[in-house]
Amino acid sequence: MAVGSTAQTSTSYRHLELGKDIATGIAGVYTPEKEVRLTHKGREVLYVVGEAMLSASCCGVGNWVYVAVPGYIISWHSSYEGGVLMSEVEPISDPEAREELRKIIELRESTDRIQFE
């Protein structure tokens, strides 16, 4: 990519099985619950809503809703690898677009725990 270029590259997104707990660390799980395709300024954005839970003897128990934003959809369900659906996405790096999307998602999903990938 040329110096000063703002061109984005796409990346493969592995669709997670909705409703299935995924262990993380030694004392927690997260569960993707739904995938959302959101139209924003003529492009389609993919975000995933889920619930995370921490359960540790040192820290107690806690759970929260999270949103992961893989990016703009380039190609939906474009391949099937190892039994898993894949899509091509473009990560969202523009700070203005991120802030606009953050506000929209916060209102729609009632959470401010939003991570752009």
PDB file of N, CA and C in Angstrom:
ATOM      1  N   MET A   1       0.857  -1.165   0.000  1.00  0.00           N
ATOM      2  CA  MET A   1       0.000   0.000   0.000  1.00  0.00           C
ATOM      3  C   MET A   1       0.903   1.228   0.000  1.00  0.00           C
ATOM      4  N   ALA A   2       0.568   2.212  -0.815  1.00  0.00           N
ATOM      5  CA  ALA A   2       1.371   3.420  -0.955  1.00  0.00           C
ATOM      6  C   ALA A   2       1.291   4.275   0.310  1.00  0.00           C
ATOM      7  N   VAL A   3       2.346   5.049   0.561  1.00  0.00           N
ATOM      8  CA  VAL A   3       2.369   5.949   1.708  1.00  0.00           C
ATOM      9  C   VAL A   3       1.219   6.945   1.572  1.00  0.00           C
ATOM     10  N   GLY A   4       0.465   7.125   2.649  1.00  0.00           N
ATOM     11  CA  GLY A   4      -0.665   8.048   2.628  1.00  0.00           C
ATOM     12  C   GLY A   4      -1.942   7.455   2.063  1.00  0.00           C
ATOM     13  N   SER A   5      -1.882   6.227   1.593  1.00  0.00           N
ATOM     14  CA  SER A   5      -3.060   5.576   1.028  1.00  0.00           C
ATOM     15  C   SER A   5      -4.036   5.205   2.131  1.00  0.00           C
ATOM     16  N   THR A   6      -5.330   5.294   1.828  1.00  0.00           N
ATOM     17  CA  THR A   6      -6.351   4.907   2.803  1.00  0.00           C
ATOM     18  C   THR A   6      -7.087   3.640   2.366  1.00  0.00           C
ATOM     19  N   ALA A   7      -6.548   2.960   1.359  1.00  0.00           N
ATOM     20  CA  ALA A   7      -7.188   1.745   0.862  1.00  0.00           C
ATOM     21  C   ALA A   7      -7.267   0.706   1.980  1.00  0.00           C
ATOM     22  N   GLN A   8      -8.384   0.019   2.043  1.00  0.00           N
ATOM     23  CA  GLN A   8      -8.598  -1.013   3.055  1.00  0.00           C
ATOM     24  C   GLN A   8      -8.423  -2.389   2.430  1.00  0.00           C
ATOM     25  N   THR A   9      -8.040  -3.333   3.236  1.00  0.00           N
ATOM     26  CA  THR A   9      -7.949  -4.700   2.770  1.00  0.00           C
ATOM     27  C   THR A   9      -9.045  -5.504   3.452  1.00  0.00           C
ATOM     28  N   SER A  10      -9.524  -6.503   2.754  1.00  0.00           N
ATOM     29  CA  SER A  10     -10.562  -7.332   3.358  1.00  0.00           C
ATOM     30  C   SER A  10      -9.909  -8.472   4.127  1.00  0.00           C
ATOM     31  N   THR A  11     -10.707  -9.063   4.986  1.00  0.00           N
ATOM     32  CA  THR A  11     -10.240 -10.182   5.792  1.00  0.00           C
ATOM     33  C   THR A  11     -11.366 -11.206   5.884  1.00  0.00           C
ATOM     34  N   SER A  12     -11.036 -12.427   6.146  1.00  0.00           N
ATOM     35  CA  SER A  12     -12.049 -13.473   6.295  1.00  0.00           C
ATOM     36  C   SER A  12     -12.635 -13.415   7.694  1.00  0.00           C
ATOM     37  N   TYR A  13     -13.946 -13.527   7.761  1.00  0.00           N
ATOM     38  CA  TYR A  13     -14.636 -13.592   9.046  1.00  0.00           C
ATOM     39  C   TYR A  13     -15.240 -14.976   9.189  1.00  0.00           C
ATOM     40  N   ARG A  14     -14.911 -15.649  10.279  1.00  0.00           N
ATOM     41  CA  ARG A  14     -15.428 -16.986  10.579  1.00  0.00           C
ATOM     42  C   ARG A  14     -16.700 -16.829  11.405  1.00  0.00           C
ATOM     43  N   HIS A  15     -17.828 -17.231  10.852  1.00  0.00           N
ATOM     44  CA  HIS A  15     -19.100 -17.123  11.568  1.00  0.00           C
ATOM     45  C   HIS A  15     -19.112 -18.117  12.728  1.00  0.00           C
ATOM     46  N   LEU A  16     -19.429 -17.610  13.902  1.00  0.00           N
ATOM     47  CA  LEU A  16     -19.488 -18.447  15.100  1.00  0.00           C
ATOM     48  C   LEU A  16     -20.866 -19.083  15.214  1.00  0.00           C
ATOM     49  N   GLU A  17     -20.924 -20.226  15.854  1.00  0.00           N
ATOM     50  CA  GLU A  17     -22.204 -20.897  16.068  1.00  0.00           C
ATOM     51  C   GLU A  17     -22.990 -20.120  17.122  1.00  0.00           C
ATOM     52  N   LEU A  18     -24.149 -19.624  16.732  1.00  0.00           N
ATOM     53  CA  LEU A  18     -24.968 -18.822  17.637  1.00  0.00           C
ATOM     54  C   LEU A  18     -25.547 -19.698  18.746  1.00  0.00           C
ATOM     55  N   GLY A  19     -25.572 -19.152  19.952  1.00  0.00           N
ATOM     56  CA  GLY A  19     -26.138 -19.867  21.095  1.00  0.00           C
ATOM     57  C   GLY A  19     -25.204 -20.873  21.739  1.00  0.00           C
ATOM     58  N   LYS A  20     -23.982 -20.993  21.236  1.00  0.00           N
ATOM     59  CA  LYS A  20     -23.033 -21.968  21.790  1.00  0.00           C
ATOM     60  C   LYS A  20     -21.972 -21.239  22.612  1.00  0.00           C
ATOM     61  N   ASP A  21     -21.783 -21.677  23.876  1.00  0.00           N
ATOM     62  CA  ASP A  21     -20.769 -21.084  24.747  1.00  0.00           C
ATOM     63  C   ASP A  21     -19.373 -21.375  24.208  1.00  0.00           C
ATOM     64  N   ILE A  22     -18.511 -20.359  24.289  1.00  0.00           N
ATOM     65  CA  ILE A  22     -17.124 -20.503  23.891  1.00  0.00           C
ATOM     66  C   ILE A  22     -16.275 -20.146  25.111  1.00  0.00           C
ATOM     67  N   ALA A  23     -15.492 -21.107  25.573  1.00  0.00           N
ATOM     68  CA  ALA A  23     -14.651 -20.887  26.754  1.00  0.00           C
ATOM     69  C   ALA A  23     -13.546 -19.900  26.417  1.00  0.00           C
ATOM     70  N   THR A  24     -13.266 -19.027  27.387  1.00  0.00           N
ATOM     71  CA  THR A  24     -12.176 -18.068  27.235  1.00  0.00           C
ATOM     72  C   THR A  24     -11.444 -17.970  28.562  1.00  0.00           C
ATOM     73  N   GLY A  25     -10.146 -18.038  28.524  1.00  0.00           N
ATOM     74  CA  GLY A  25      -9.386 -18.011  29.767  1.00  0.00           C
ATOM     75  C   GLY A  25      -9.725 -19.202  30.639  1.00  0.00           C
ATOM     76  N   ILE A  26      -9.541 -19.039  31.945  1.00  0.00           N
ATOM     77  CA  ILE A  26      -9.803 -20.160  32.856  1.00  0.00           C
ATOM     78  C   ILE A  26     -11.123 -20.010  33.602  1.00  0.00           C
ATOM     79  N   ALA A  27     -11.792 -18.867  33.446  1.00  0.00           N
ATOM     80  CA  ALA A  27     -12.991 -18.673  34.263  1.00  0.00           C
ATOM     81  C   ALA A  27     -14.075 -17.891  33.538  1.00  0.00           C
ATOM     82  N   GLY A  28     -14.216 -18.115  32.256  1.00  0.00           N
ATOM     83  CA  GLY A  28     -15.247 -17.361  31.569  1.00  0.00           C
ATOM     84  C   GLY A  28     -15.683 -18.006  30.272  1.00  0.00           C
ATOM     85  N   VAL A  29     -16.822 -17.562  29.798  1.00  0.00           N
ATOM     86  CA  VAL A  29     -17.354 -17.981  28.500  1.00  0.00           C
ATOM     87  C   VAL A  29     -17.991 -16.770  27.835  1.00  0.00           C
ATOM     88  N   TYR A  30     -18.083 -16.839  26.516  1.00  0.00           N
ATOM     89  CA  TYR A  30     -18.907 -15.876  25.809  1.00  0.00           C
ATOM     90  C   TYR A  30     -19.778 -16.640  24.837  1.00  0.00           C
ATOM     91  N   THR A  31     -20.952 -16.093  24.584  1.00  0.00           N
ATOM     92  CA  THR A  31     -21.938 -16.763  23.757  1.00  0.00           C
ATOM     93  C   THR A  31     -22.460 -15.799  22.701  1.00  0.00           C
ATOM     94  N   PRO A  32     -22.052 -15.974  21.441  1.00  0.00           N
ATOM     95  CA  PRO A  32     -22.624 -15.147  20.392  1.00  0.00           C
ATOM     96  C   PRO A  32     -24.103 -15.510  20.237  1.00  0.00           C
ATOM     97  N   GLU A  33     -24.972 -14.506  20.247  1.00  0.00           N
ATOM     98  CA  GLU A  33     -26.407 -14.775  20.219  1.00  0.00           C
ATOM     99  C   GLU A  33     -27.082 -14.399  18.912  1.00  0.00           C
ATOM    100  N   LYS A  34     -26.579 -13.352  18.235  1.00  0.00           N
ATOM    101  CA  LYS A  34     -27.175 -12.991  16.948  1.00  0.00           C
ATOM    102  C   LYS A  34     -26.185 -12.208  16.108  1.00  0.00           C
ATOM    103  N   GLU A  35     -26.327 -12.366  14.789  1.00  0.00           N
ATOM    104  CA  GLU A  35     -25.576 -11.569  13.833  1.00  0.00           C
ATOM    105  C   GLU A  35     -26.543 -10.557  13.233  1.00  0.00           C
ATOM    106  N   VAL A  36     -26.072  -9.336  13.081  1.00  0.00           N
ATOM    107  CA  VAL A  36     -26.916  -8.270  12.545  1.00  0.00           C
ATOM    108  C   VAL A  36     -26.219  -7.659  11.340  1.00  0.00           C
ATOM    109  N   ARG A  37     -26.994  -7.471  10.280  1.00  0.00           N
ATOM    110  CA  ARG A  37     -26.522  -6.767   9.088  1.00  0.00           C
ATOM    111  C   ARG A  37     -27.192  -5.403   9.097  1.00  0.00           C
ATOM    112  N   LEU A  38     -26.390  -4.360   9.243  1.00  0.00           N
ATOM    113  CA  LEU A  38     -26.878  -2.995   9.407  1.00  0.00           C
ATOM    114  C   LEU A  38     -26.430  -2.147   8.220  1.00  0.00           C
ATOM    115  N   THR A  39     -27.378  -1.502   7.550  1.00  0.00           N
ATOM    116  CA  THR A  39     -27.032  -0.602   6.451  1.00  0.00           C
ATOM    117  C   THR A  39     -26.619   0.746   7.021  1.00  0.00           C
ATOM    118  N   HIS A  40     -25.449   1.208   6.580  1.00  0.00           N
ATOM    119  CA  HIS A  40     -24.909   2.488   7.053  1.00  0.00           C
ATOM    120  C   HIS A  40     -24.233   3.185   5.877  1.00  0.00           C
ATOM    121  N   LYS A  41     -24.815   4.312   5.460  1.00  0.00           N
ATOM    122  CA  LYS A  41     -24.258   5.130   4.373  1.00  0.00           C
ATOM    123  C   LYS A  41     -23.987   4.310   3.119  1.00  0.00           C
ATOM    124  N   GLY A  42     -24.968   3.498   2.738  1.00  0.00           N
ATOM    125  CA  GLY A  42     -24.875   2.740   1.500  1.00  0.00           C
ATOM    126  C   GLY A  42     -24.040   1.473   1.563  1.00  0.00           C
ATOM    127  N   ARG A  43     -23.516   1.143   2.740  1.00  0.00           N
ATOM    128  CA  ARG A  43     -22.747  -0.088   2.910  1.00  0.00           C
ATOM    129  C   ARG A  43     -23.383  -0.915   4.012  1.00  0.00           C
ATOM    130  N   GLU A  44     -23.106  -2.196   3.982  1.00  0.00           N
ATOM    131  CA  GLU A  44     -23.672  -3.082   4.985  1.00  0.00           C
ATOM    132  C   GLU A  44     -22.586  -3.461   5.996  1.00  0.00           C
ATOM    133  N   VAL A  45     -22.913  -3.297   7.274  1.00  0.00           N
ATOM    134  CA  VAL A  45     -21.997  -3.586   8.370  1.00  0.00           C
ATOM    135  C   VAL A  45     -22.463  -4.857   9.077  1.00  0.00           C
ATOM    136  N   LEU A  46     -21.525  -5.726   9.421  1.00  0.00           N
ATOM    137  CA  LEU A  46     -21.832  -6.914  10.221  1.00  0.00           C
ATOM    138  C   LEU A  46     -21.416  -6.645  11.654  1.00  0.00           C
ATOM    139  N   TYR A  47     -22.353  -6.909  12.575  1.00  0.00           N
ATOM    140  CA  TYR A  47     -21.968  -6.923  13.983  1.00  0.00           C
ATOM    141  C   TYR A  47     -22.616  -8.108  14.666  1.00  0.00           C
ATOM    142  N   VAL A  48     -21.958  -8.584  15.729  1.00  0.00           N
ATOM    143  CA  VAL A  48     -22.397  -9.763  16.462  1.00  0.00           C
ATOM    144  C   VAL A  48     -22.685  -9.355  17.902  1.00  0.00           C
ATOM    145  N   VAL A  49     -23.864  -9.738  18.388  1.00  0.00           N
ATOM    146  CA  VAL A  49     -24.264  -9.451  19.766  1.00  0.00           C
ATOM    147  C   VAL A  49     -24.192 -10.750  20.552  1.00  0.00           C
ATOM    148  N   GLY A  50     -23.649 -10.654  21.747  1.00  0.00           N
ATOM    149  CA  GLY A  50     -23.552 -11.841  22.573  1.00  0.00           C
ATOM    150  C   GLY A  50     -23.521 -11.497  24.046  1.00  0.00           C
ATOM    151  N   GLU A  51     -23.347 -12.529  24.847  1.00  0.00           N
ATOM    152  CA  GLU A  51     -23.259 -12.346  26.291  1.00  0.00           C
ATOM    153  C   GLU A  51     -21.967 -12.987  26.778  1.00  0.00           C
ATOM    154  N   ALA A  52     -21.279 -12.285  27.662  1.00  0.00           N
ATOM    155  CA  ALA A  52     -20.051 -12.800  28.259  1.00  0.00           C
ATOM    156  C   ALA A  52     -20.298 -13.022  29.745  1.00  0.00           C
ATOM    157  N   MET A  53     -19.641 -14.048  30.300  1.00  0.00           N
ATOM    158  CA  MET A  53     -19.791 -14.328  31.723  1.00  0.00           C
ATOM    159  C   MET A  53     -18.432 -14.670  32.311  1.00  0.00           C
ATOM    160  N   LEU A  54     -18.155 -14.089  33.460  1.00  0.00           N
ATOM    161  CA  LEU A  54     -16.939 -14.365  34.213  1.00  0.00           C
ATOM    162  C   LEU A  54     -17.346 -15.003  35.527  1.00  0.00           C
ATOM    163  N   SER A  55     -16.685 -16.080  35.886  1.00  0.00           N
ATOM    164  CA  SER A  55     -16.968 -16.768  37.145  1.00  0.00           C
ATOM    165  C   SER A  55     -15.643 -17.221  37.732  1.00  0.00           C
ATOM    166  N   ALA A  56     -15.172 -16.485  38.745  1.00  0.00           N
ATOM    167  CA  ALA A  56     -13.887 -16.805  39.352  1.00  0.00           C
ATOM    168  C   ALA A  56     -13.966 -16.651  40.866  1.00  0.00           C
ATOM    169  N   SER A  57     -13.313 -17.556  41.578  1.00  0.00           N
ATOM    170  CA  SER A  57     -13.358 -17.508  43.038  1.00  0.00           C
ATOM    171  C   SER A  57     -12.753 -16.217  43.575  1.00  0.00           C
ATOM    172  N   CYS A  58     -11.794 -15.652  42.859  1.00  0.00           N
ATOM    173  CA  CYS A  58     -11.152 -14.420  43.331  1.00  0.00           C
ATOM    174  C   CYS A  58     -11.998 -13.180  43.076  1.00  0.00           C
ATOM    175  N   CYS A  59     -12.820 -13.216  42.039  1.00  0.00           N
ATOM    176  CA  CYS A  59     -13.453 -11.984  41.567  1.00  0.00           C
ATOM    177  C   CYS A  59     -14.976 -12.016  41.570  1.00  0.00           C
ATOM    178  N   GLY A  60     -15.553 -13.156  41.826  1.00  0.00           N
ATOM    179  CA  GLY A  60     -17.001 -13.265  41.807  1.00  0.00           C
ATOM    180  C   GLY A  60     -17.534 -13.617  40.432  1.00  0.00           C
ATOM    181  N   VAL A  61     -18.800 -13.291  40.227  1.00  0.00           N
ATOM    182  CA  VAL A  61     -19.493 -13.625  38.988  1.00  0.00           C
ATOM    183  C   VAL A  61     -20.003 -12.343  38.359  1.00  0.00           C
ATOM    184  N   GLY A  62     -19.915 -12.277  37.059  1.00  0.00           N
ATOM    185  CA  GLY A  62     -20.454 -11.124  36.347  1.00  0.00           C
ATOM    186  C   GLY A  62     -20.809 -11.516  34.926  1.00  0.00           C
ATOM    187  N   ASN A  63     -21.783 -10.836  34.365  1.00  0.00           N
ATOM    188  CA  ASN A  63     -22.106 -11.074  32.968  1.00  0.00           C
ATOM    189  C   ASN A  63     -22.532  -9.755  32.323  1.00  0.00           C
ATOM    190  N   TRP A  64     -22.360  -9.660  31.028  1.00  0.00           N
ATOM    191  CA  TRP A  64     -22.683  -8.446  30.290  1.00  0.00           C
ATOM    192  C   TRP A  64     -22.918  -8.768  28.824  1.00  0.00           C
ATOM    193  N   VAL A  65     -23.614  -7.863  28.160  1.00  0.00           N
ATOM    194  CA  VAL A  65     -23.847  -7.957  26.727  1.00  0.00           C
ATOM    195  C   VAL A  65     -22.672  -7.268  26.033  1.00  0.00           C
ATOM    196  N   TYR A  66     -22.215  -7.864  24.954  1.00  0.00           N
ATOM    197  CA  TYR A  66     -21.138  -7.264  24.171  1.00  0.00           C
ATOM    198  C   TYR A  66     -21.538  -7.222  22.699  1.00  0.00           C
ATOM    199  N   VAL A  67     -20.866  -6.363  21.944  1.00  0.00           N
ATOM    200  CA  VAL A  67     -21.037  -6.303  20.502  1.00  0.00           C
ATOM    201  C   VAL A  67     -19.650  -6.307  19.874  1.00  0.00           C
ATOM    202  N   ALA A  68     -19.443  -7.211  18.927  1.00  0.00           N
ATOM    203  CA  ALA A  68     -18.206  -7.252  18.145  1.00  0.00           C
ATOM    204  C   ALA A  68     -18.556  -6.830  16.720  1.00  0.00           C
ATOM    205  N   VAL A  69     -17.771  -5.926  16.157  1.00  0.00           N
ATOM    206  CA  VAL A  69     -18.035  -5.409  14.808  1.00  0.00           C
ATOM    207  C   VAL A  69     -16.885  -5.829  13.886  1.00  0.00           C
ATOM    208  N   PRO A  70     -17.065  -6.932  13.133  1.00  0.00           N
ATOM    209  CA  PRO A  70     -16.007  -7.346  12.208  1.00  0.00           C
ATOM    210  C   PRO A  70     -15.760  -6.328  11.091  1.00  0.00           C
ATOM    211  N   GLY A  71     -16.822  -5.676  10.582  1.00  0.00           N
ATOM    212  CA  GLY A  71     -16.618  -4.659   9.557  1.00  0.00           C
ATOM    213  C   GLY A  71     -17.695  -4.626   8.498  1.00  0.00           C
ATOM    214  N   TYR A  72     -17.356  -3.924   7.405  1.00  0.00           N
ATOM    215  CA  TYR A  72     -18.247  -3.828   6.254  1.00  0.00           C
ATOM    216  C   TYR A  72     -18.256  -5.166   5.525  1.00  0.00           C
ATOM    217  N   ILE A  73     -19.428  -5.620   5.115  1.00  0.00           N
ATOM    218  CA  ILE A  73     -19.536  -6.889   4.399  1.00  0.00           C
ATOM    219  C   ILE A  73     -19.106  -6.684   2.953  1.00  0.00           C
ATOM    220  N   ILE A  74     -18.131  -7.450   2.524  1.00  0.00           N
ATOM    221  CA  ILE A  74     -17.670  -7.443   1.131  1.00  0.00           C
ATOM    222  C   ILE A  74     -18.347  -8.589   0.384  1.00  0.00           C
ATOM    223  N   SER A  75     -18.366  -9.762   1.019  1.00  0.00           N
ATOM    224  CA  SER A  75     -18.960 -10.953   0.410  1.00  0.00           C
ATOM    225  C   SER A  75     -19.548 -11.822   1.517  1.00  0.00           C
ATOM    226  N   TRP A  76     -20.873 -12.016   1.496  1.00  0.00           N
ATOM    227  CA  TRP A  76     -21.586 -12.738   2.545  1.00  0.00           C
ATOM    228  C   TRP A  76     -21.570 -14.234   2.277  1.00  0.00           C
ATOM    229  N   HIS A  77     -21.174 -15.006   3.282  1.00  0.00           N
ATOM    230  CA  HIS A  77     -21.125 -16.469   3.195  1.00  0.00           C
ATOM    231  C   HIS A  77     -20.449 -16.911   1.900  1.00  0.00           C
ATOM    232  N   SER A  78     -19.274 -16.359   1.661  1.00  0.00           N
ATOM    233  CA  SER A  78     -18.559 -16.575   0.408  1.00  0.00           C
ATOM    234  C   SER A  78     -17.825 -17.910   0.326  1.00  0.00           C
ATOM    235  N   SER A  79     -17.596 -18.551   1.465  1.00  0.00           N
ATOM    236  CA  SER A  79     -16.948 -19.859   1.443  1.00  0.00           C
ATOM    237  C   SER A  79     -17.363 -20.678   2.656  1.00  0.00           C
ATOM    238  N   TYR A  80     -16.986 -21.935   2.605  1.00  0.00           N
ATOM    239  CA  TYR A  80     -17.305 -22.887   3.659  1.00  0.00           C
ATOM    240  C   TYR A  80     -16.020 -23.648   3.933  1.00  0.00           C
ATOM    241  N   GLU A  81     -15.388 -23.376   5.075  1.00  0.00           N
ATOM    242  CA  GLU A  81     -14.085 -23.970   5.374  1.00  0.00           C
ATOM    243  C   GLU A  81     -14.147 -24.760   6.673  1.00  0.00           C
ATOM    244  N   GLY A  82     -13.806 -26.020   6.603  1.00  0.00           N
ATOM    245  CA  GLY A  82     -13.781 -26.860   7.798  1.00  0.00           C
ATOM    246  C   GLY A  82     -15.122 -26.918   8.507  1.00  0.00           C
ATOM    247  N   GLY A  83     -16.203 -26.883   7.753  1.00  0.00           N
ATOM    248  CA  GLY A  83     -17.532 -26.951   8.336  1.00  0.00           C
ATOM    249  C   GLY A  83     -18.046 -25.621   8.871  1.00  0.00           C
ATOM    250  N   VAL A  84     -17.344 -24.524   8.555  1.00  0.00           N
ATOM    251  CA  VAL A  84     -17.727 -23.211   9.075  1.00  0.00           C
ATOM    252  C   VAL A  84     -17.941 -22.235   7.922  1.00  0.00           C
ATOM    253  N   LEU A  85     -19.037 -21.482   7.985  1.00  0.00           N
ATOM    254  CA  LEU A  85     -19.287 -20.447   6.988  1.00  0.00           C
ATOM    255  C   LEU A  85     -18.319 -19.291   7.179  1.00  0.00           C
ATOM    256  N   MET A  86     -17.852 -18.738   6.060  1.00  0.00           N
ATOM    257  CA  MET A  86     -16.924 -17.614   6.074  1.00  0.00           C
ATOM    258  C   MET A  86     -17.508 -16.481   5.226  1.00  0.00           C
ATOM    259  N   SER A  87     -17.213 -15.254   5.624  1.00  0.00           N
ATOM    260  CA  SER A  87     -17.564 -14.073   4.837  1.00  0.00           C
ATOM    261  C   SER A  87     -16.322 -13.202   4.728  1.00  0.00           C
ATOM    262  N   GLU A  88     -16.299 -12.362   3.711  1.00  0.00           N
ATOM    263  CA  GLU A  88     -15.223 -11.381   3.577  1.00  0.00           C
ATOM    264  C   GLU A  88     -15.726 -10.056   4.120  1.00  0.00           C
ATOM    265  N   VAL A  89     -14.953  -9.448   5.002  1.00  0.00           N
ATOM    266  CA  VAL A  89     -15.316  -8.157   5.584  1.00  0.00           C
ATOM    267  C   VAL A  89     -14.137  -7.197   5.473  1.00  0.00           C
ATOM    268  N   GLU A  90     -14.457  -5.919   5.539  1.00  0.00           N
ATOM    269  CA  GLU A  90     -13.445  -4.860   5.563  1.00  0.00           C
ATOM    270  C   GLU A  90     -13.511  -4.193   6.926  1.00  0.00           C
ATOM    271  N   PRO A  91     -12.461  -4.300   7.717  1.00  0.00           N
ATOM    272  CA  PRO A  91     -12.484  -3.651   9.033  1.00  0.00           C
ATOM    273  C   PRO A  91     -12.769  -2.155   8.902  1.00  0.00           C
ATOM    274  N   ILE A  92     -13.460  -1.612   9.885  1.00  0.00           N
ATOM    275  CA  ILE A  92     -13.831  -0.201   9.872  1.00  0.00           C
ATOM    276  C   ILE A  92     -12.775   0.571  10.658  1.00  0.00           C
ATOM    277  N   SER A  93     -11.980   1.350   9.948  1.00  0.00           N
ATOM    278  CA  SER A  93     -10.901   2.079  10.611  1.00  0.00           C
ATOM    279  C   SER A  93     -11.181   3.578  10.723  1.00  0.00           C
ATOM    280  N   ASP A  94     -12.129   4.079   9.954  1.00  0.00           N
ATOM    281  CA  ASP A  94     -12.435   5.511   9.973  1.00  0.00           C
ATOM    282  C   ASP A  94     -13.053   5.909  11.324  1.00  0.00           C
ATOM    283  N   PRO A  95     -12.419   6.837  12.054  1.00  0.00           N
ATOM    284  CA  PRO A  95     -12.926   7.215  13.382  1.00  0.00           C
ATOM    285  C   PRO A  95     -14.350   7.785  13.362  1.00  0.00           C
ATOM    286  N   GLU A  96     -14.691   8.566  12.343  1.00  0.00           N
ATOM    287  CA  GLU A  96     -16.050   9.123  12.260  1.00  0.00           C
ATOM    288  C   GLU A  96     -17.088   8.030  12.059  1.00  0.00           C
ATOM    289  N   ALA A  97     -16.803   7.107  11.149  1.00  0.00           N
ATOM    290  CA  ALA A  97     -17.738   6.000  10.897  1.00  0.00           C
ATOM    291  C   ALA A  97     -17.890   5.153  12.153  1.00  0.00           C
ATOM    292  N   ARG A  98     -16.794   4.896  12.838  1.00  0.00           N
ATOM    293  CA  ARG A  98     -16.859   4.109  14.083  1.00  0.00           C
ATOM    294  C   ARG A  98     -17.747   4.798  15.115  1.00  0.00           C
ATOM    295  N   GLU A  99     -17.579   6.100  15.276  1.00  0.00           N
ATOM    296  CA  GLU A  99     -18.369   6.829  16.272  1.00  0.00           C
ATOM    297  C   GLU A  99     -19.855   6.825  15.906  1.00  0.00           C
ATOM    298  N   GLU A 100     -20.169   7.037  14.624  1.00  0.00           N
ATOM    299  CA  GLU A 100     -21.568   7.000  14.183  1.00  0.00           C
ATOM    300  C   GLU A 100     -22.168   5.618  14.438  1.00  0.00           C
ATOM    301  N   LEU A 101     -21.440   4.585  14.059  1.00  0.00           N
ATOM    302  CA  LEU A 101     -21.928   3.218  14.259  1.00  0.00           C
ATOM    303  C   LEU A 101     -22.049   2.887  15.737  1.00  0.00           C
ATOM    304  N   ARG A 102     -21.100   3.344  16.530  1.00  0.00           N
ATOM    305  CA  ARG A 102     -21.157   3.101  17.979  1.00  0.00           C
ATOM    306  C   ARG A 102     -22.461   3.652  18.557  1.00  0.00           C
ATOM    307  N   LYS A 103     -22.829   4.864  18.175  1.00  0.00           N
ATOM    308  CA  LYS A 103     -24.063   5.485  18.683  1.00  0.00           C
ATOM    309  C   LYS A 103     -25.298   4.704  18.240  1.00  0.00           C
ATOM    310  N   ILE A 104     -25.331   4.299  16.988  1.00  0.00           N
ATOM    311  CA  ILE A 104     -26.475   3.531  16.467  1.00  0.00           C
ATOM    312  C   ILE A 104     -26.599   2.201  17.204  1.00  0.00           C
ATOM    313  N   ILE A 105     -25.484   1.490  17.344  1.00  0.00           N
ATOM    314  CA  ILE A 105     -25.500   0.170  17.978  1.00  0.00           C
ATOM    315  C   ILE A 105     -25.844   0.275  19.459  1.00  0.00           C
ATOM    316  N   GLU A 106     -25.315   1.288  20.143  1.00  0.00           N
ATOM    317  CA  GLU A 106     -25.640   1.479  21.564  1.00  0.00           C
ATOM    318  C   GLU A 106     -27.147   1.609  21.758  1.00  0.00           C
ATOM    319  N   LEU A 107     -27.795   2.385  20.890  1.00  0.00           N
ATOM    320  CA  LEU A 107     -29.250   2.564  20.999  1.00  0.00           C
ATOM    321  C   LEU A 107     -30.007   1.281  20.678  1.00  0.00           C
ATOM    322  N   ARG A 108     -29.568   0.567  19.653  1.00  0.00           N
ATOM    323  CA  ARG A 108     -30.267  -0.650  19.229  1.00  0.00           C
ATOM    324  C   ARG A 108     -30.090  -1.811  20.193  1.00  0.00           C
ATOM    325  N   GLU A 109     -28.900  -1.927  20.783  1.00  0.00           N
ATOM    326  CA  GLU A 109     -28.571  -3.111  21.586  1.00  0.00           C
ATOM    327  C   GLU A 109     -28.471  -2.840  23.082  1.00  0.00           C
ATOM    328  N   SER A 110     -28.638  -1.603  23.509  1.00  0.00           N
ATOM    329  CA  SER A 110     -28.594  -1.223  24.927  1.00  0.00           C
ATOM    330  C   SER A 110     -27.305  -1.655  25.623  1.00  0.00           C
ATOM    331  N   THR A 111     -26.186  -1.450  24.942  1.00  0.00           N
ATOM    332  CA  THR A 111     -24.884  -1.713  25.560  1.00  0.00           C
ATOM    333  C   THR A 111     -23.852  -0.744  24.984  1.00  0.00           C
ATOM    334  N   ASP A 112     -22.858  -0.411  25.810  1.00  0.00           N
ATOM    335  CA  ASP A 112     -21.765   0.418  25.310  1.00  0.00           C
ATOM    336  C   ASP A 112     -20.481  -0.406  25.189  1.00  0.00           C
ATOM    337  N   ARG A 113     -20.592  -1.699  25.360  1.00  0.00           N
ATOM    338  CA  ARG A 113     -19.426  -2.593  25.222  1.00  0.00           C
ATOM    339  C   ARG A 113     -19.336  -3.028  23.759  1.00  0.00           C
ATOM    340  N   ILE A 114     -18.736  -2.176  22.958  1.00  0.00           N
ATOM    341  CA  ILE A 114     -18.671  -2.380  21.513  1.00  0.00           C
ATOM    342  C   ILE A 114     -17.201  -2.409  21.101  1.00  0.00           C
ATOM    343  N   GLN A 115     -16.809  -3.472  20.418  1.00  0.00           N
ATOM    344  CA  GLN A 115     -15.430  -3.641  19.991  1.00  0.00           C
ATOM    345  C   GLN A 115     -15.366  -3.727  18.470  1.00  0.00           C
ATOM    346  N   PHE A 116     -14.618  -2.832  17.845  1.00  0.00           N
ATOM    347  CA  PHE A 116     -14.382  -2.907  16.407  1.00  0.00           C
ATOM    348  C   PHE A 116     -13.151  -3.770  16.189  1.00  0.00           C
ATOM    349  N   GLU A 117     -13.279  -4.751  15.313  1.00  0.00           N
ATOM    350  CA  GLU A 117     -12.174  -5.687  15.079  1.00  0.00           C
ATOM    351  C   GLU A 117     -11.278  -5.198  13.968  1.00  0.00           C
TER     352      GLU A 117
END
